[in-house]
Amino acid sequence: MNLARVIGTVVATVKADGLECRRLLVIQPLDEHQRPVGRPIVAADAIQSGPGDLVHTVSSREAAIAFNPSFVPVDSAIVGFVDQVNLGDRR
């Protein structure tokens, strides 16, 4: 599972086929302790998330097929909300 926090939106006046009704959001990838990892990226939103949401993302082919039945040209997609992160007893 890839954790990320939605930190912004992207406005695109022209989009590729299959993305016309999809939102593009800026996300900050996070580690298991919810600390930023790397640089923010743009992801297509499959779940109606918004700024501030903690989300689960997929990349590569999984992102492209997240918008079934259409195959869309994206490298990252937001596919789920994260309600809680529990690391258990990690010693």
PDB file of N, CA and C in Angstrom:
ATOM      1  N   MET A   1       0.852  -1.174   0.000  1.00  0.00           N
ATOM      2  CA  MET A   1       0.000   0.000   0.000  1.00  0.00           C
ATOM      3  C   MET A   1       0.894   1.231   0.000  1.00  0.00           C
ATOM      4  N   ASN A   2       0.530   2.199  -0.814  1.00  0.00           N
ATOM      5  CA  ASN A   2       1.241   3.468  -0.873  1.00  0.00           C
ATOM      6  C   ASN A   2       0.388   4.539  -0.201  1.00  0.00           C
ATOM      7  N   LEU A   3       0.915   5.138   0.845  1.00  0.00           N
ATOM      8  CA  LEU A   3       0.209   6.210   1.539  1.00  0.00           C
ATOM      9  C   LEU A   3       0.552   7.550   0.921  1.00  0.00           C
ATOM     10  N   ALA A   4      -0.423   8.453   0.926  1.00  0.00           N
ATOM     11  CA  ALA A   4      -0.183   9.818   0.462  1.00  0.00           C
ATOM     12  C   ALA A   4      -1.217  10.737   1.086  1.00  0.00           C
ATOM     13  N   ARG A   5      -0.895  12.020   1.100  1.00  0.00           N
ATOM     14  CA  ARG A   5      -1.842  13.037   1.548  1.00  0.00           C
ATOM     15  C   ARG A   5      -2.124  13.947   0.366  1.00  0.00           C
ATOM     16  N   VAL A   6      -3.402  14.226   0.130  1.00  0.00           N
ATOM     17  CA  VAL A   6      -3.785  15.145  -0.945  1.00  0.00           C
ATOM     18  C   VAL A   6      -3.458  16.554  -0.480  1.00  0.00           C
ATOM     19  N   ILE A   7      -2.649  17.264  -1.295  1.00  0.00           N
ATOM     20  CA  ILE A   7      -2.223  18.609  -0.882  1.00  0.00           C
ATOM     21  C   ILE A   7      -2.654  19.702  -1.853  1.00  0.00           C
ATOM     22  N   GLY A   8      -3.284  19.335  -2.951  1.00  0.00           N
ATOM     23  CA  GLY A   8      -3.715  20.370  -3.895  1.00  0.00           C
ATOM     24  C   GLY A   8      -4.443  19.794  -5.087  1.00  0.00           C
ATOM     25  N   THR A   9      -4.853  20.683  -5.959  1.00  0.00           N
ATOM     26  CA  THR A   9      -5.567  20.285  -7.171  1.00  0.00           C
ATOM     27  C   THR A   9      -4.827  20.790  -8.406  1.00  0.00           C
ATOM     28  N   VAL A  10      -5.152  20.191  -9.534  1.00  0.00           N
ATOM     29  CA  VAL A  10      -4.577  20.587 -10.816  1.00  0.00           C
ATOM     30  C   VAL A  10      -5.719  20.967 -11.736  1.00  0.00           C
ATOM     31  N   VAL A  11      -5.564  22.060 -12.458  1.00  0.00           N
ATOM     32  CA  VAL A  11      -6.565  22.470 -13.439  1.00  0.00           C
ATOM     33  C   VAL A  11      -5.993  22.187 -14.825  1.00  0.00           C
ATOM     34  N   ALA A  12      -6.725  21.383 -15.595  1.00  0.00           N
ATOM     35  CA  ALA A  12      -6.307  21.052 -16.954  1.00  0.00           C
ATOM     36  C   ALA A  12      -7.482  21.322 -17.891  1.00  0.00           C
ATOM     37  N   THR A  13      -7.297  22.222 -18.846  1.00  0.00           N
ATOM     38  CA  THR A  13      -8.392  22.551 -19.758  1.00  0.00           C
ATOM     39  C   THR A  13      -8.555  21.513 -20.851  1.00  0.00           C
ATOM     40  N   VAL A  14      -7.494  20.773 -21.143  1.00  0.00           N
ATOM     41  CA  VAL A  14      -7.556  19.699 -22.126  1.00  0.00           C
ATOM     42  C   VAL A  14      -7.002  18.444 -21.464  1.00  0.00           C
ATOM     43  N   LYS A  15      -7.772  17.333 -21.557  1.00  0.00           N
ATOM     44  CA  LYS A  15      -7.349  16.075 -20.942  1.00  0.00           C
ATOM     45  C   LYS A  15      -7.385  14.962 -21.975  1.00  0.00           C
ATOM     46  N   ALA A  16      -6.614  13.912 -21.722  1.00  0.00           N
ATOM     47  CA  ALA A  16      -6.599  12.738 -22.594  1.00  0.00           C
ATOM     48  C   ALA A  16      -7.946  12.030 -22.526  1.00  0.00           C
ATOM     49  N   ASP A  17      -8.258  11.268 -23.558  1.00  0.00           N
ATOM     50  CA  ASP A  17      -9.493  10.484 -23.578  1.00  0.00           C
ATOM     51  C   ASP A  17      -9.561   9.595 -22.336  1.00  0.00           C
ATOM     52  N   GLY A  18     -10.721   9.558 -21.704  1.00  0.00           N
ATOM     53  CA  GLY A  18     -10.919   8.773 -20.499  1.00  0.00           C
ATOM     54  C   GLY A  18     -10.725   9.561 -19.224  1.00  0.00           C
ATOM     55  N   LEU A  19     -10.127  10.742 -19.326  1.00  0.00           N
ATOM     56  CA  LEU A  19      -9.890  11.565 -18.143  1.00  0.00           C
ATOM     57  C   LEU A  19     -10.783  12.800 -18.090  1.00  0.00           C
ATOM     58  N   GLU A  20     -11.703  12.929 -19.028  1.00  0.00           N
ATOM     59  CA  GLU A  20     -12.520  14.139 -19.120  1.00  0.00           C
ATOM     60  C   GLU A  20     -13.258  14.469 -17.830  1.00  0.00           C
ATOM     61  N   CYS A  21     -13.790  13.489 -17.143  1.00  0.00           N
ATOM     62  CA  CYS A  21     -14.579  13.738 -15.929  1.00  0.00           C
ATOM     63  C   CYS A  21     -13.817  13.372 -14.662  1.00  0.00           C
ATOM     64  N   ARG A  22     -12.519  13.197 -14.767  1.00  0.00           N
ATOM     65  CA  ARG A  22     -11.705  12.820 -13.612  1.00  0.00           C
ATOM     66  C   ARG A  22     -10.927  14.011 -13.092  1.00  0.00           C
ATOM     67  N   ARG A  23     -10.828  14.102 -11.762  1.00  0.00           N
ATOM     68  CA  ARG A  23     -10.036  15.165 -11.144  1.00  0.00           C
ATOM     69  C   ARG A  23      -8.580  14.745 -11.075  1.00  0.00           C
ATOM     70  N   LEU A  24      -7.702  15.702 -11.222  1.00  0.00           N
ATOM     71  CA  LEU A  24      -6.273  15.487 -11.034  1.00  0.00           C
ATOM     72  C   LEU A  24      -5.869  16.215  -9.765  1.00  0.00           C
ATOM     73  N   LEU A  25      -5.208  15.501  -8.846  1.00  0.00           N
ATOM     74  CA  LEU A  25      -4.855  16.066  -7.551  1.00  0.00           C
ATOM     75  C   LEU A  25      -3.350  15.944  -7.315  1.00  0.00           C
ATOM     76  N   VAL A  26      -2.814  16.883  -6.555  1.00  0.00           N
ATOM     77  CA  VAL A  26      -1.412  16.826  -6.157  1.00  0.00           C
ATOM     78  C   VAL A  26      -1.361  16.065  -4.836  1.00  0.00           C
ATOM     79  N   ILE A  27      -0.515  15.035  -4.773  1.00  0.00           N
ATOM     80  CA  ILE A  27      -0.388  14.243  -3.556  1.00  0.00           C
ATOM     81  C   ILE A  27       1.063  14.236  -3.085  1.00  0.00           C
ATOM     82  N   GLN A  28       1.225  14.146  -1.775  1.00  0.00           N
ATOM     83  CA  GLN A  28       2.553  14.014  -1.166  1.00  0.00           C
ATOM     84  C   GLN A  28       2.690  12.585  -0.665  1.00  0.00           C
ATOM     85  N   PRO A  29       3.565  11.766  -1.278  1.00  0.00           N
ATOM     86  CA  PRO A  29       3.790  10.414  -0.763  1.00  0.00           C
ATOM     87  C   PRO A  29       4.308  10.462   0.674  1.00  0.00           C
ATOM     88  N   LEU A  30       3.879   9.460   1.480  1.00  0.00           N
ATOM     89  CA  LEU A  30       4.231   9.406   2.899  1.00  0.00           C
ATOM     90  C   LEU A  30       4.802   8.043   3.261  1.00  0.00           C
ATOM     91  N   ASP A  31       5.630   8.000   4.322  1.00  0.00           N
ATOM     92  CA  ASP A  31       6.086   6.713   4.838  1.00  0.00           C
ATOM     93  C   ASP A  31       5.056   6.193   5.841  1.00  0.00           C
ATOM     94  N   GLU A  32       5.378   5.069   6.503  1.00  0.00           N
ATOM     95  CA  GLU A  32       4.412   4.458   7.421  1.00  0.00           C
ATOM     96  C   GLU A  32       4.133   5.318   8.647  1.00  0.00           C
ATOM     97  N   HIS A  33       4.997   6.296   8.920  1.00  0.00           N
ATOM     98  CA  HIS A  33       4.778   7.221  10.040  1.00  0.00           C
ATOM     99  C   HIS A  33       4.153   8.534   9.568  1.00  0.00           C
ATOM    100  N   GLN A  34       3.695   8.547   8.339  1.00  0.00           N
ATOM    101  CA  GLN A  34       3.043   9.686   7.698  1.00  0.00           C
ATOM    102  C   GLN A  34       3.964  10.894   7.561  1.00  0.00           C
ATOM    103  N   ARG A  35       5.257  10.630   7.339  1.00  0.00           N
ATOM    104  CA  ARG A  35       6.238  11.676   7.058  1.00  0.00           C
ATOM    105  C   ARG A  35       6.443  11.744   5.552  1.00  0.00           C
ATOM    106  N   PRO A  36       6.612  12.943   5.001  1.00  0.00           N
ATOM    107  CA  PRO A  36       6.803  13.088   3.549  1.00  0.00           C
ATOM    108  C   PRO A  36       8.005  12.299   3.043  1.00  0.00           C
ATOM    109  N   VAL A  37       7.813  11.673   1.882  1.00  0.00           N
ATOM    110  CA  VAL A  37       8.864  10.922   1.208  1.00  0.00           C
ATOM    111  C   VAL A  37       8.905  11.397  -0.242  1.00  0.00           C
ATOM    112  N   GLY A  38      10.010  11.958  -0.656  1.00  0.00           N
ATOM    113  CA  GLY A  38      10.127  12.410  -2.033  1.00  0.00           C
ATOM    114  C   GLY A  38       9.337  13.671  -2.313  1.00  0.00           C
ATOM    115  N   ARG A  39       9.143  13.899  -3.607  1.00  0.00           N
ATOM    116  CA  ARG A  39       8.460  15.112  -4.063  1.00  0.00           C
ATOM    117  C   ARG A  39       6.984  14.842  -4.327  1.00  0.00           C
ATOM    118  N   PRO A  40       6.148  15.866  -4.260  1.00  0.00           N
ATOM    119  CA  PRO A  40       4.729  15.706  -4.601  1.00  0.00           C
ATOM    120  C   PRO A  40       4.573  15.278  -6.064  1.00  0.00           C
ATOM    121  N   ILE A  41       3.499  14.545  -6.339  1.00  0.00           N
ATOM    122  CA  ILE A  41       3.195  14.095  -7.696  1.00  0.00           C
ATOM    123  C   ILE A  41       1.718  14.347  -7.991  1.00  0.00           C
ATOM    124  N   VAL A  42       1.364  14.233  -9.254  1.00  0.00           N
ATOM    125  CA  VAL A  42      -0.035  14.380  -9.674  1.00  0.00           C
ATOM    126  C   VAL A  42      -0.635  12.987  -9.837  1.00  0.00           C
ATOM    127  N   ALA A  43      -1.846  12.810  -9.309  1.00  0.00           N
ATOM    128  CA  ALA A  43      -2.539  11.527  -9.404  1.00  0.00           C
ATOM    129  C   ALA A  43      -3.983  11.764  -9.853  1.00  0.00           C
ATOM    130  N   ALA A  44      -4.496  10.825 -10.628  1.00  0.00           N
ATOM    131  CA  ALA A  44      -5.904  10.869 -11.021  1.00  0.00           C
ATOM    132  C   ALA A  44      -6.732  10.338  -9.854  1.00  0.00           C
ATOM    133  N   ASP A  45      -7.868  10.963  -9.601  1.00  0.00           N
ATOM    134  CA  ASP A  45      -8.697  10.621  -8.446  1.00  0.00           C
ATOM    135  C   ASP A  45      -9.847   9.714  -8.856  1.00  0.00           C
ATOM    136  N   ALA A  46      -9.880   8.502  -8.278  1.00  0.00           N
ATOM    137  CA  ALA A  46     -10.950   7.552  -8.573  1.00  0.00           C
ATOM    138  C   ALA A  46     -11.998   7.495  -7.473  1.00  0.00           C
ATOM    139  N   ILE A  47     -11.827   8.277  -6.388  1.00  0.00           N
ATOM    140  CA  ILE A  47     -12.698   8.102  -5.215  1.00  0.00           C
ATOM    141  C   ILE A  47     -13.314   9.385  -4.665  1.00  0.00           C
ATOM    142  N   GLN A  48     -13.189  10.491  -5.353  1.00  0.00           N
ATOM    143  CA  GLN A  48     -13.765  11.758  -4.881  1.00  0.00           C
ATOM    144  C   GLN A  48     -13.068  12.278  -3.620  1.00  0.00           C
ATOM    145  N   SER A  49     -11.750  12.188  -3.571  1.00  0.00           N
ATOM    146  CA  SER A  49     -11.004  12.707  -2.419  1.00  0.00           C
ATOM    147  C   SER A  49     -10.734  14.192  -2.601  1.00  0.00           C
ATOM    148  N   GLY A  50     -10.187  14.804  -1.571  1.00  0.00           N
ATOM    149  CA  GLY A  50      -9.909  16.228  -1.643  1.00  0.00           C
ATOM    150  C   GLY A  50      -8.741  16.610  -0.762  1.00  0.00           C
ATOM    151  N   PRO A  51      -8.338  17.868  -0.795  1.00  0.00           N
ATOM    152  CA  PRO A  51      -7.204  18.336  -0.010  1.00  0.00           C
ATOM    153  C   PRO A  51      -7.324  17.962   1.465  1.00  0.00           C
ATOM    154  N   GLY A  52      -6.222  17.433   2.016  1.00  0.00           N
ATOM    155  CA  GLY A  52      -6.183  17.022   3.410  1.00  0.00           C
ATOM    156  C   GLY A  52      -6.450  15.551   3.634  1.00  0.00           C
ATOM    157  N   ASP A  53      -7.042  14.859   2.671  1.00  0.00           N
ATOM    158  CA  ASP A  53      -7.366  13.443   2.840  1.00  0.00           C
ATOM    159  C   ASP A  53      -6.108  12.578   2.827  1.00  0.00           C
ATOM    160  N   LEU A  54      -6.103  11.561   3.693  1.00  0.00           N
ATOM    161  CA  LEU A  54      -5.067  10.538   3.693  1.00  0.00           C
ATOM    162  C   LEU A  54      -5.581   9.425   2.783  1.00  0.00           C
ATOM    163  N   VAL A  55      -4.792   9.068   1.775  1.00  0.00           N
ATOM    164  CA  VAL A  55      -5.292   8.162   0.742  1.00  0.00           C
ATOM    165  C   VAL A  55      -4.310   7.028   0.437  1.00  0.00           C
ATOM    166  N   HIS A  56      -4.854   6.007  -0.231  1.00  0.00           N
ATOM    167  CA  HIS A  56      -4.091   4.862  -0.737  1.00  0.00           C
ATOM    168  C   HIS A  56      -3.957   5.066  -2.237  1.00  0.00           C
ATOM    169  N   THR A  57      -2.736   4.921  -2.743  1.00  0.00           N
ATOM    170  CA  THR A  57      -2.503   5.132  -4.165  1.00  0.00           C
ATOM    171  C   THR A  57      -1.884   3.895  -4.809  1.00  0.00           C
ATOM    172  N   VAL A  58      -2.049   3.811  -6.118  1.00  0.00           N
ATOM    173  CA  VAL A  58      -1.391   2.776  -6.913  1.00  0.00           C
ATOM    174  C   VAL A  58      -0.684   3.467  -8.068  1.00  0.00           C
ATOM    175  N   SER A  59       0.283   2.774  -8.641  1.00  0.00           N
ATOM    176  CA  SER A  59       1.032   3.370  -9.746  1.00  0.00           C
ATOM    177  C   SER A  59       1.188   2.375 -10.887  1.00  0.00           C
ATOM    178  N   SER A  60       1.748   2.855 -11.976  1.00  0.00           N
ATOM    179  CA  SER A  60       2.024   2.053 -13.166  1.00  0.00           C
ATOM    180  C   SER A  60       0.738   1.481 -13.759  1.00  0.00           C
ATOM    181  N   ARG A  61       0.762   0.227 -14.155  1.00  0.00           N
ATOM    182  CA  ARG A  61      -0.386  -0.398 -14.817  1.00  0.00           C
ATOM    183  C   ARG A  61      -1.620  -0.407 -13.922  1.00  0.00           C
ATOM    184  N   GLU A  62      -1.426  -0.633 -12.629  1.00  0.00           N
ATOM    185  CA  GLU A  62      -2.559  -0.639 -11.700  1.00  0.00           C
ATOM    186  C   GLU A  62      -3.290   0.696 -11.718  1.00  0.00           C
ATOM    187  N   ALA A  63      -2.556   1.787 -11.850  1.00  0.00           N
ATOM    188  CA  ALA A  63      -3.184   3.110 -11.919  1.00  0.00           C
ATOM    189  C   ALA A  63      -3.982   3.264 -13.207  1.00  0.00           C
ATOM    190  N   ALA A  64      -3.433   2.775 -14.299  1.00  0.00           N
ATOM    191  CA  ALA A  64      -4.106   2.913 -15.587  1.00  0.00           C
ATOM    192  C   ALA A  64      -5.404   2.124 -15.652  1.00  0.00           C
ATOM    193  N   ILE A  65      -5.482   1.002 -14.940  1.00  0.00           N
ATOM    194  CA  ILE A  65      -6.712   0.193 -14.984  1.00  0.00           C
ATOM    195  C   ILE A  65      -7.652   0.477 -13.814  1.00  0.00           C
ATOM    196  N   ALA A  66      -7.315   1.434 -12.968  1.00  0.00           N
ATOM    197  CA  ALA A  66      -8.159   1.766 -11.813  1.00  0.00           C
ATOM    198  C   ALA A  66      -9.489   2.376 -12.222  1.00  0.00           C
ATOM    199  N   PHE A  67      -9.599   2.826 -13.439  1.00  0.00           N
ATOM    200  CA  PHE A  67     -10.813   3.504 -13.896  1.00  0.00           C
ATOM    201  C   PHE A  67     -11.624   2.601 -14.815  1.00  0.00           C
ATOM    202  N   ASN A  68     -11.755   1.349 -14.443  1.00  0.00           N
ATOM    203  CA  ASN A  68     -12.491   0.355 -15.203  1.00  0.00           C
ATOM    204  C   ASN A  68     -13.875   0.882 -15.553  1.00  0.00           C
ATOM    205  N   PRO A  69     -14.378   0.737 -16.750  1.00  0.00           N
ATOM    206  CA  PRO A  69     -13.880  -0.154 -17.791  1.00  0.00           C
ATOM    207  C   PRO A  69     -12.880   0.505 -18.747  1.00  0.00           C
ATOM    208  N   SER A  70     -12.584   1.781 -18.568  1.00  0.00           N
ATOM    209  CA  SER A  70     -11.676   2.418 -19.523  1.00  0.00           C
ATOM    210  C   SER A  70     -10.242   2.399 -19.014  1.00  0.00           C
ATOM    211  N   PHE A  71      -9.316   2.236 -19.925  1.00  0.00           N
ATOM    212  CA  PHE A  71      -7.882   2.265 -19.646  1.00  0.00           C
ATOM    213  C   PHE A  71      -7.433   3.698 -19.875  1.00  0.00           C
ATOM    214  N   VAL A  72      -6.947   4.367 -18.830  1.00  0.00           N
ATOM    215  CA  VAL A  72      -6.570   5.772 -18.951  1.00  0.00           C
ATOM    216  C   VAL A  72      -5.056   5.944 -18.823  1.00  0.00           C
ATOM    217  N   PRO A  73      -4.493   6.947 -19.496  1.00  0.00           N
ATOM    218  CA  PRO A  73      -3.047   7.154 -19.483  1.00  0.00           C
ATOM    219  C   PRO A  73      -2.569   7.934 -18.258  1.00  0.00           C
ATOM    220  N   VAL A  74      -2.477   7.230 -17.119  1.00  0.00           N
ATOM    221  CA  VAL A  74      -1.975   7.860 -15.895  1.00  0.00           C
ATOM    222  C   VAL A  74      -0.895   6.980 -15.273  1.00  0.00           C
ATOM    223  N   ASP A  75      -0.014   7.597 -14.492  1.00  0.00           N
ATOM    224  CA  ASP A  75       1.036   6.867 -13.787  1.00  0.00           C
ATOM    225  C   ASP A  75       0.711   6.659 -12.316  1.00  0.00           C
ATOM    226  N   SER A  76      -0.241   7.434 -11.793  1.00  0.00           N
ATOM    227  CA  SER A  76      -0.607   7.321 -10.386  1.00  0.00           C
ATOM    228  C   SER A  76      -2.099   7.580 -10.234  1.00  0.00           C
ATOM    229  N   ALA A  77      -2.745   6.791  -9.367  1.00  0.00           N
ATOM    230  CA  ALA A  77      -4.180   6.956  -9.135  1.00  0.00           C
ATOM    231  C   ALA A  77      -4.482   6.818  -7.647  1.00  0.00           C
ATOM    232  N   ILE A  78      -5.441   7.592  -7.190  1.00  0.00           N
ATOM    233  CA  ILE A  78      -5.923   7.511  -5.813  1.00  0.00           C
ATOM    234  C   ILE A  78      -7.092   6.537  -5.822  1.00  0.00           C
ATOM    235  N   VAL A  79      -6.967   5.440  -5.024  1.00  0.00           N
ATOM    236  CA  VAL A  79      -7.976   4.387  -5.097  1.00  0.00           C
ATOM    237  C   VAL A  79      -8.677   4.091  -3.783  1.00  0.00           C
ATOM    238  N   GLY A  80      -8.257   4.717  -2.677  1.00  0.00           N
ATOM    239  CA  GLY A  80      -8.924   4.452  -1.413  1.00  0.00           C
ATOM    240  C   GLY A  80      -8.594   5.477  -0.350  1.00  0.00           C
ATOM    241  N   PHE A  81      -9.531   5.634   0.586  1.00  0.00           N
ATOM    242  CA  PHE A  81      -9.307   6.481   1.752  1.00  0.00           C
ATOM    243  C   PHE A  81      -8.636   5.641   2.836  1.00  0.00           C
ATOM    244  N   VAL A  82      -7.754   6.242   3.617  1.00  0.00           N
ATOM    245  CA  VAL A  82      -7.128   5.570   4.757  1.00  0.00           C
ATOM    246  C   VAL A  82      -7.715   6.195   6.012  1.00  0.00           C
ATOM    247  N   ASP A  83      -8.405   5.367   6.806  1.00  0.00           N
ATOM    248  CA  ASP A  83      -9.013   5.853   8.038  1.00  0.00           C
ATOM    249  C   ASP A  83      -8.028   5.841   9.199  1.00  0.00           C
ATOM    250  N   GLN A  84      -7.142   4.838   9.210  1.00  0.00           N
ATOM    251  CA  GLN A  84      -6.238   4.681  10.342  1.00  0.00           C
ATOM    252  C   GLN A  84      -5.007   3.908   9.895  1.00  0.00           C
ATOM    253  N   VAL A  85      -3.863   4.258  10.461  1.00  0.00           N
ATOM    254  CA  VAL A  85      -2.624   3.504  10.234  1.00  0.00           C
ATOM    255  C   VAL A  85      -2.215   2.923  11.575  1.00  0.00           C
ATOM    256  N   ASN A  86      -2.119   1.600  11.638  1.00  0.00           N
ATOM    257  CA  ASN A  86      -1.736   0.913  12.873  1.00  0.00           C
ATOM    258  C   ASN A  86      -0.482   0.115  12.578  1.00  0.00           C
ATOM    259  N   LEU A  87       0.620   0.482  13.213  1.00  0.00           N
ATOM    260  CA  LEU A  87       1.894  -0.202  12.977  1.00  0.00           C
ATOM    261  C   LEU A  87       2.090  -1.403  13.880  1.00  0.00           C
ATOM    262  N   GLY A  88       1.187  -1.614  14.809  1.00  0.00           N
ATOM    263  CA  GLY A  88       1.308  -2.766  15.708  1.00  0.00           C
ATOM    264  C   GLY A  88       2.502  -2.630  16.635  1.00  0.00           C
ATOM    265  N   ASP A  89       2.956  -3.753  17.150  1.00  0.00           N
ATOM    266  CA  ASP A  89       4.093  -3.779  18.062  1.00  0.00           C
ATOM    267  C   ASP A  89       5.366  -3.979  17.272  1.00  0.00           C
ATOM    268  N   ARG A  90       6.001  -2.872  16.861  1.00  0.00           N
ATOM    269  CA  ARG A  90       7.228  -2.927  16.054  1.00  0.00           C
ATOM    270  C   ARG A  90       8.417  -2.594  16.938  1.00  0.00           C
ATOM    271  N   ARG A  91       9.200  -3.581  17.274  1.00  0.00           N
ATOM    272  CA  ARG A  91      10.369  -3.370  18.136  1.00  0.00           C
ATOM    273  C   ARG A  91      11.628  -3.525  17.360  1.00  0.00           C
TER     274      ARG A  91
END
